[in-house]
C-alpha atoms as a PDB file:
ATOM      1  CA  MET A   1     197.550  48.309  60.133  1.00  0.00           C
ATOM      2  CA  SER A   2     199.645  47.007  57.699  1.00  0.00           C
ATOM      3  CA  ALA A   3     199.410  46.464  54.084  1.00  0.00           C
ATOM      4  CA  THR A   4     199.728  42.830  54.797  1.00  0.00           C
ATOM      5  CA  THR A   5     197.833  42.513  58.272  1.00  0.00           C
ATOM      6  CA  GLU A   6     194.912  45.141  55.612  1.00  0.00           C
ATOM      7  CA  ARG A   7     195.121  41.717  52.685  1.00  0.00           C
ATOM      8  CA  LEU A   8     194.442  38.994  55.513  1.00  0.00           C
ATOM      9  CA  VAL A   9     191.731  40.601  57.174  1.00  0.00           C
ATOM     10  CA  ASP A  10     190.213  41.679  53.174  1.00  0.00           C
ATOM     11  CA  VAL A  11     190.298  37.590  52.999  1.00  0.00           C
ATOM     12  CA  ARG A  12     189.489  36.739  55.596  1.00  0.00           C
ATOM     13  CA  GLY A  13     186.344  38.826  55.477  1.00  0.00           C
ATOM     14  CA  THR A  14     186.018  37.672  51.498  1.00  0.00           C
ATOM     15  CA  ASN A  15     185.899  34.631  52.851  1.00  0.00           C
ATOM     16  CA  ALA A  16     182.911  34.779  55.280  1.00  0.00           C
ATOM     17  CA  LYS A  17     181.287  36.473  52.593  1.00  0.00           C
ATOM     18  CA  ILE A  18     181.283  33.373  50.277  1.00  0.00           C
ATOM     19  CA  ALA A  19     180.238  31.278  52.970  1.00  0.00           C
ATOM     20  CA  ASP A  20     177.159  32.736  54.373  1.00  0.00           C
ATOM     21  CA  ALA A  21     175.865  33.323  50.709  1.00  0.00           C
ATOM     22  CA  ILE A  22     176.812  29.430  50.028  1.00  0.00           C
ATOM     23  CA  ARG A  23     174.893  28.536  53.755  1.00  0.00           C
ATOM     24  CA  TRP A  24     171.635  30.986  52.099  1.00  0.00           C
ATOM     25  CA  VAL A  25     171.659  28.374  48.793  1.00  0.00           C
ATOM     26  CA  ILE A  26     172.200  25.450  50.347  1.00  0.00           C
ATOM     27  CA  GLN A  27     169.266  26.401  53.644  1.00  0.00           C
ATOM     28  CA  ARG A  28     166.808  28.101  50.508  1.00  0.00           C
ATOM     29  CA  GLU A  29     167.231  24.605  48.073  1.00  0.00           C
ATOM     30  CA  ASP A  30     166.942  22.835  51.082  1.00  0.00           C
ATOM     31  CA  LEU A  31     170.422  21.123  50.429  1.00  0.00           C
ATOM     32  CA  GLN A  32     173.252  18.680  52.759  1.00  0.00           C
ATOM     33  CA  GLN A  33     176.554  20.779  52.786  1.00  0.00           C
ATOM     34  CA  ASN A  34     178.405  17.388  53.036  1.00  0.00           C
ATOM     35  CA  TRP A  35     176.513  17.087  49.170  1.00  0.00           C
ATOM     36  CA  VAL A  36     177.144  20.380  47.871  1.00  0.00           C
ATOM     37  CA  GLY A  37     180.931  19.596  48.723  1.00  0.00           C
ATOM     38  CA  VAL A  38     181.064  16.143  46.965  1.00  0.00           C
ATOM     39  CA  ALA A  39     179.585  17.406  43.814  1.00  0.00           C
ATOM     40  CA  SER A  40     182.521  20.361  43.449  1.00  0.00           C
ATOM     41  CA  GLY A  41     184.331  17.905  44.269  1.00  0.00           C
ATOM     42  CA  LEU A  42     185.657  18.454  47.675  1.00  0.00           C
ATOM     43  CA  SER A  43     186.046  16.410  50.681  1.00  0.00           C
ATOM     44  CA  PRO A  44     182.890  17.141  52.989  1.00  0.00           C
ATOM     45  CA  ASP A  45     185.997  17.522  55.349  1.00  0.00           C
ATOM     46  CA  GLU A  46     187.952  19.736  53.099  1.00  0.00           C
ATOM     47  CA  LEU A  47     184.372  21.674  52.627  1.00  0.00           C
ATOM     48  CA  SER A  48     183.774  22.411  56.489  1.00  0.00           C
ATOM     49  CA  ARG A  49     187.412  23.514  56.514  1.00  0.00           C
ATOM     50  CA  ARG A  50     186.354  26.664  53.886  1.00  0.00           C
ATOM     51  CA  MET A  51     183.100  27.412  55.142  1.00  0.00           C
ATOM     52  CA  THR A  52     184.593  28.062  58.906  1.00  0.00           C
ATOM     53  CA  GLY A  53     187.450  30.255  57.824  1.00  0.00           C
ATOM     54  CA  LYS A  54     190.494  27.633  58.562  1.00  0.00           C
ATOM     55  CA  VAL A  55     191.204  27.419  54.575  1.00  0.00           C
ATOM     56  CA  PRO A  56     190.155  30.266  52.307  1.00  0.00           C
ATOM     57  CA  PHE A  57     188.368  29.416  49.113  1.00  0.00           C
ATOM     58  CA  ASP A  58     190.246  30.057  45.847  1.00  0.00           C
ATOM     59  CA  LEU A  59     189.102  30.721  42.640  1.00  0.00           C
ATOM     60  CA  ASP A  60     188.407  26.969  41.581  1.00  0.00           C
ATOM     61  CA  ASP A  61     186.567  26.173  44.671  1.00  0.00           C
ATOM     62  CA  VAL A  62     184.148  29.100  44.135  1.00  0.00           C
ATOM     63  CA  ALA A  63     183.728  27.792  40.526  1.00  0.00           C
ATOM     64  CA  ASP A  64     182.828  24.429  41.702  1.00  0.00           C
ATOM     65  CA  ILE A  65     181.070  25.332  44.163  1.00  0.00           C
ATOM     66  CA  ALA A  66     178.563  27.482  42.206  1.00  0.00           C
ATOM     67  CA  ARG A  67     178.380  24.869  39.898  1.00  0.00           C
ATOM     68  CA  ALA A  68     177.441  22.462  42.084  1.00  0.00           C
ATOM     69  CA  LEU A  69     174.737  24.992  43.415  1.00  0.00           C
ATOM     70  CA  ASN A  70     173.546  25.316  39.947  1.00  0.00           C
ATOM     71  CA  MET A  71     175.205  29.434  39.479  1.00  0.00           C
ATOM     72  CA  ASP A  72     177.647  30.906  37.829  1.00  0.00           C
ATOM     73  CA  MET A  73     180.779  32.341  39.931  1.00  0.00           C
ATOM     74  CA  PHE A  74     179.761  36.217  39.395  1.00  0.00           C
ATOM     75  CA  GLY A  75     176.788  34.667  40.673  1.00  0.00           C
ATOM     76  CA  LEU A  76     177.958  33.529  43.980  1.00  0.00           C
ATOM     77  CA  LEU A  77     180.199  36.467  44.437  1.00  0.00           C
ATOM     78  CA  HIS A  78     177.569  38.969  43.870  1.00  0.00           C
ATOM     79  CA  LEU A  79     175.203  37.021  46.101  1.00  0.00           C
ATOM     80  CA  ALA A  80     178.035  36.772  48.255  1.00  0.00           C
ATOM     81  CA  ASP A  81     178.355  40.734  48.386  1.00  0.00           C
ATOM     82  CA  ASP A  82     174.398  40.702  49.030  1.00  0.00           C
ATOM     83  CA  VAL A  83     173.833  38.350  51.762  1.00  0.00           C
ATOM     84  CA  ALA A  84     176.777  40.406  53.725  1.00  0.00           C
ATOM     85  CA  ASP A  85     174.707  44.010  53.100  1.00  0.00           C
ATOM     86  CA  ASP A  86     171.846  42.461  54.218  1.00  0.00           C
ATOM     87  CA  LEU A  87     173.794  40.997  57.206  1.00  0.00           C
ATOM     88  CA  ALA A  88     174.915  44.231  58.240  1.00  0.00           C
END
């Protein structure tokens, strides 16, 4: 696998981990994905495209979504790793 392909696989893996963590918090807190999108400054469609992997999350997205979920960015990223470990 080329270095470029490895980076793409890693980005997709990271994006999926972040999306799974966001879904976990949404379910735990009984929130609506649309509300999280609006509260983080994304339209529901923009958040949906990130959650499905069509558009990758950038750090600003992660920070804004984390704030909407009453977390900090690092807490959300750590949760993404924890949720991924639980799903593995």
